[in-house]
Structure formats: C-alpha cells, structure tokens
Amino acid sequence: LAESAAEGGLKDQAKEIFLQAAEKAKKAAEHLSIAGKINSLLCDPDLAAEISSKAKKSCKTPAEFIDLAKALVSNFDDADQAKEVLGAALEVCQSGDDFTLVTQSAQELFPDGDVAMSLFESAKAQADDGLKLGNLAKAAVTGLGDEEFGKKMFAQAKDMLEDGDSLMKLGAIIKESVDDKPLLADTYK
C-alpha cells in the first residue's frame, strides 16, 4: 500500500503508512525492509536511518546483528552505526564461534580498520571466566588469524583457572588452536 502511494506521488501518505508499519514491525529484517523502501521510494535517508536504528532493538542473535550491520553499510553507508551494532552483538555471543562470526563480519565490512581487534579487546575485557577467555582466544586465532594475540589470551585464561578439569579443557582448546608446546605444557602442569 505504501509503495503504491509513493509510486503514485502521494509521498506524505506513503510516509505515514511506512511509519505505521515500522511501529508494528517486530524483527530486524522487517525494520530493514521498511527502511530500504523508505530510502528508495521516498528518498528520505534520515527517516530510513531512524527506522533502521529500531532494528537493533529487535536483534536477538549475533547473526541478526551481523545482518543489520551489513545492511547499514550496504544500504545506508552508515559505518558508525554498523560498528555500534557489531559491538552490541558481543553482548549476545554465547560461544567462541559466535565471537568468530562477529569478528569475521567486522573484517569483511571494515577490512582497512581494526574494528575486529577492538571487538576482541572489548570481549576480552568482559570475559569473567578462564574457559570463556580460552574460547575467545580460539576465536581470535580463527577469526583474526593472529596466533600471538591468541597465545596471550590463552596465557591469561590459564591464569584465571585453578581446577584441573578446567585446565584440561583449556589445554584441549589450546592444542587445537595454536602450536605452542611450552604454553600447552604449562597449562597441563
């Protein structure tokens, strides 16, 4: 209906319909779709950006945040908001694989910057458990390809752990991530 109104020259009516649709939207993809149509049919990038910013509130998984960040860059050329969205994605990461996914996406979107590294630094600061930090280190090695950074994080993770069972689990993560026999031996002590 809004599209027909916009194509018929009734831009004010189309805008109202789009705004009503945005209020009813529940998912990030719905907000993005509406924002994209506003941008292309009404040529109103400010309103489109406002609607797309609502999408962040409806993201629940790292993948949804990533899709939103990609759309913000490709559809609206809004790198700053995309970086904020990737930062927010860290809050819902549950595993090293989630962190890897977010940081690899950051590298794809911002190949010239250190967005991925700053995301890891932020996630590292939030890690309150040695095994979480170990999984994050594994993700750093996988996602950034930076073994030295990963090794430093593994050493910090080892220092956070005390019980043998957790150290054994960390050792297994280290073994599959980096080739560092002294670090591995020190972890298994």
Protein backbone atom coordinates (compact mmCIF):
# COMPACT_ATOMS: atom_id res chain seq x y z
CA LEU A 1 0.00 0.00 0.00
CA ALA A 2 2.79 2.42 0.94
CA GLU A 3 4.69 1.51 -2.20
CA SER A 4 1.66 2.21 -4.36
CA ALA A 5 1.12 5.54 -2.63
CA ALA A 6 4.77 6.51 -3.12
CA GLU A 7 4.75 5.48 -6.76
CA GLY A 8 1.50 7.44 -7.23
CA GLY A 9 3.14 10.61 -5.94
CA LEU A 10 1.43 10.53 -2.53
CA LYS A 11 4.64 10.66 -0.55
CA ASP A 12 3.12 12.02 2.67
CA GLN A 13 0.58 9.19 2.77
CA ALA A 14 3.29 6.67 1.94
CA LYS A 15 5.43 8.05 4.77
CA GLU A 16 2.58 7.63 7.27
CA ILE A 17 1.95 4.06 6.13
CA PHE A 18 5.64 3.23 6.40
CA LEU A 19 5.77 4.72 9.90
CA GLN A 20 2.77 2.64 10.97
CA ALA A 21 4.40 -0.47 9.52
CA ALA A 22 7.62 0.31 11.37
CA GLU A 23 5.72 0.58 14.65
CA LYS A 24 4.21 -2.86 14.09
CA ALA A 25 7.48 -4.46 12.97
CA LYS A 26 8.90 -7.00 15.41
CA LYS A 27 12.01 -8.30 13.64
CA ALA A 28 15.18 -6.59 12.48
CA ALA A 29 14.59 -7.81 8.92
CA GLU A 30 11.17 -6.12 8.88
CA HIS A 31 12.65 -2.80 10.03
CA LEU A 32 15.40 -3.07 7.44
CA SER A 33 12.96 -3.84 4.67
CA ILE A 34 10.83 -0.82 5.58
CA ALA A 35 13.93 1.39 5.87
CA GLY A 36 15.15 0.23 2.48
CA LYS A 37 11.82 1.04 0.86
CA ILE A 38 11.71 4.45 2.52
CA ASN A 39 15.18 5.15 1.21
CA SER A 40 14.45 4.06 -2.34
CA LEU A 41 10.83 5.20 -2.75
CA LEU A 42 10.72 8.34 -0.63
CA CYS A 43 14.38 9.32 -0.99
CA ASP A 44 14.48 10.09 2.72
CA PRO A 45 17.76 8.70 4.10
CA ASP A 46 17.26 10.33 7.51
CA LEU A 47 13.93 8.63 8.09
CA ALA A 48 15.33 5.38 6.71
CA ALA A 49 18.25 5.58 9.15
CA GLU A 50 15.84 6.28 12.02
CA ILE A 51 13.79 3.20 11.15
CA SER A 52 16.88 1.03 10.68
CA SER A 53 18.14 2.07 14.12
CA LYS A 54 14.99 0.49 15.60
CA ALA A 55 16.12 -2.79 14.10
CA LYS A 56 18.95 -3.02 16.63
CA LYS A 57 16.46 -3.31 19.48
CA SER A 58 14.85 -6.34 17.86
CA CYS A 59 18.09 -8.26 17.23
CA LYS A 60 18.46 -11.31 19.44
CA THR A 61 21.31 -13.33 17.90
CA PRO A 62 24.79 -12.50 16.62
CA ALA A 63 23.61 -13.39 13.10
CA GLU A 64 20.78 -10.84 13.28
CA PHE A 65 23.18 -8.13 14.47
CA ILE A 66 25.58 -9.03 11.65
CA ASP A 67 22.83 -8.87 9.03
CA LEU A 68 21.84 -5.48 10.37
CA ALA A 69 25.43 -4.19 10.29
CA LYS A 70 25.86 -5.39 6.71
CA ALA A 71 22.62 -3.73 5.65
CA LEU A 72 23.58 -0.48 7.36
CA VAL A 73 26.81 -0.36 5.39
CA SER A 74 25.46 -1.54 2.04
CA ASN A 75 22.11 0.25 2.03
CA PHE A 76 22.82 3.39 4.03
CA ASP A 77 26.62 3.74 4.03
CA ASP A 78 26.40 4.11 7.81
CA ALA A 79 29.69 2.67 9.05
CA ASP A 80 29.43 4.26 12.50
CA GLN A 81 26.07 2.70 13.29
CA ALA A 82 27.25 -0.63 11.84
CA LYS A 83 30.23 -0.60 14.24
CA GLU A 84 27.87 0.07 17.16
CA VAL A 85 25.69 -2.84 16.05
CA LEU A 86 28.69 -5.19 15.91
CA GLY A 87 29.67 -4.03 19.38
CA ALA A 88 26.16 -4.81 20.61
CA ALA A 89 26.45 -8.26 19.03
CA LEU A 90 29.17 -9.11 21.55
CA GLU A 91 26.63 -8.90 24.34
CA VAL A 92 24.68 -11.85 22.92
CA CYS A 93 27.64 -14.03 21.93
CA GLN A 94 27.43 -17.36 23.73
CA SER A 95 30.46 -19.13 22.31
CA GLY A 96 33.79 -18.70 20.63
CA ASP A 97 32.08 -19.48 17.33
CA ASP A 98 29.75 -16.53 17.89
CA PHE A 99 32.73 -14.25 18.51
CA THR A 100 34.44 -15.60 15.41
CA LEU A 101 31.35 -14.92 13.33
CA VAL A 102 31.08 -11.34 14.60
CA THR A 103 34.75 -10.54 14.14
CA GLN A 104 34.95 -12.12 10.70
CA SER A 105 31.98 -9.99 9.69
CA ALA A 106 33.72 -6.92 11.10
CA GLN A 107 36.78 -7.74 8.99
CA GLU A 108 34.61 -8.16 5.88
CA LEU A 109 32.84 -4.85 6.45
CA PHE A 110 35.91 -2.90 7.57
CA PRO A 111 38.98 -4.55 6.04
CA ASP A 112 41.15 -1.46 6.49
CA GLY A 113 40.34 -0.82 10.13
CA ASP A 114 40.95 -2.52 13.44
CA VAL A 115 37.27 -2.95 14.23
CA ALA A 116 37.65 -6.71 14.66
CA MET A 117 40.60 -6.29 17.02
CA SER A 118 38.76 -3.68 19.09
CA LEU A 119 35.78 -6.05 19.30
CA PHE A 120 38.09 -8.75 20.66
CA GLU A 121 39.62 -6.34 23.15
CA SER A 122 36.13 -5.41 24.33
CA ALA A 123 35.05 -9.04 24.59
CA LYS A 124 38.28 -9.90 26.40
CA ALA A 125 37.55 -7.21 28.98
CA GLN A 126 34.09 -8.72 29.54
CA ALA A 127 35.33 -12.31 29.93
CA ASP A 128 34.94 -13.28 33.56
CA ASP A 129 35.89 -16.93 33.25
CA GLY A 130 39.06 -18.63 32.03
CA LEU A 131 37.26 -21.05 29.73
CA LYS A 132 35.27 -18.23 28.16
CA LEU A 133 38.51 -16.37 27.59
CA GLY A 134 40.05 -19.55 26.16
CA ASN A 135 37.22 -19.89 23.68
CA LEU A 136 37.60 -16.23 22.83
CA ALA A 137 41.33 -16.78 22.24
CA LYS A 138 40.49 -19.66 19.91
CA ALA A 139 38.10 -17.36 18.08
CA ALA A 140 40.84 -14.73 17.81
CA VAL A 141 43.17 -17.23 16.20
CA THR A 142 40.43 -18.42 13.85
CA GLY A 143 38.79 -15.09 13.13
CA LEU A 144 41.79 -12.78 13.07
CA GLY A 145 44.46 -15.27 12.16
CA ASP A 146 46.53 -13.70 14.94
CA GLU A 147 48.24 -16.52 16.85
CA GLU A 148 50.31 -14.19 19.02
CA PHE A 149 47.23 -12.33 20.26
CA GLY A 150 45.54 -15.71 20.83
CA LYS A 151 48.54 -17.04 22.78
CA LYS A 152 48.50 -14.02 25.08
CA MET A 153 44.80 -14.56 25.72
CA PHE A 154 45.37 -18.29 26.36
CA ALA A 155 48.03 -17.40 28.95
CA GLN A 156 45.60 -15.02 30.65
CA ALA A 157 42.88 -17.67 30.54
CA LYS A 158 45.23 -20.20 32.16
CA ASP A 159 45.96 -17.75 34.97
CA MET A 160 42.23 -17.39 35.64
CA LEU A 161 41.73 -21.13 36.15
CA GLU A 162 42.61 -23.20 39.17
CA ASP A 163 40.87 -26.57 38.97
CA GLY A 164 42.44 -29.37 36.97
CA ASP A 165 39.32 -30.19 34.98
CA SER A 166 39.03 -26.66 33.63
CA LEU A 167 42.76 -26.53 32.85
CA MET A 168 42.44 -29.81 30.91
CA LYS A 169 39.57 -28.33 28.89
CA LEU A 170 41.63 -25.20 28.22
CA GLY A 171 44.57 -27.37 27.18
CA ALA A 172 42.39 -29.10 24.59
CA ILE A 173 41.31 -25.71 23.22
CA ILE A 174 44.92 -24.52 23.05
CA LYS A 175 46.04 -27.74 21.34
CA GLU A 176 43.50 -27.38 18.55
CA SER A 177 44.16 -23.65 18.11
CA VAL A 178 47.90 -22.99 18.21
CA ASP A 179 51.18 -24.87 18.03
CA ASP A 180 52.75 -23.79 21.30
CA LYS A 181 54.11 -26.75 23.24
CA PRO A 182 55.50 -24.67 26.17
CA LEU A 183 52.12 -22.99 26.71
CA LEU A 184 50.37 -26.34 26.46
CA ALA A 185 52.80 -27.99 28.91
CA ASP A 186 52.42 -25.10 31.34
CA THR A 187 48.63 -25.40 31.14
CA TYR A 188 48.69 -29.14 31.85
CA LYS A 189 51.04 -28.74 34.90
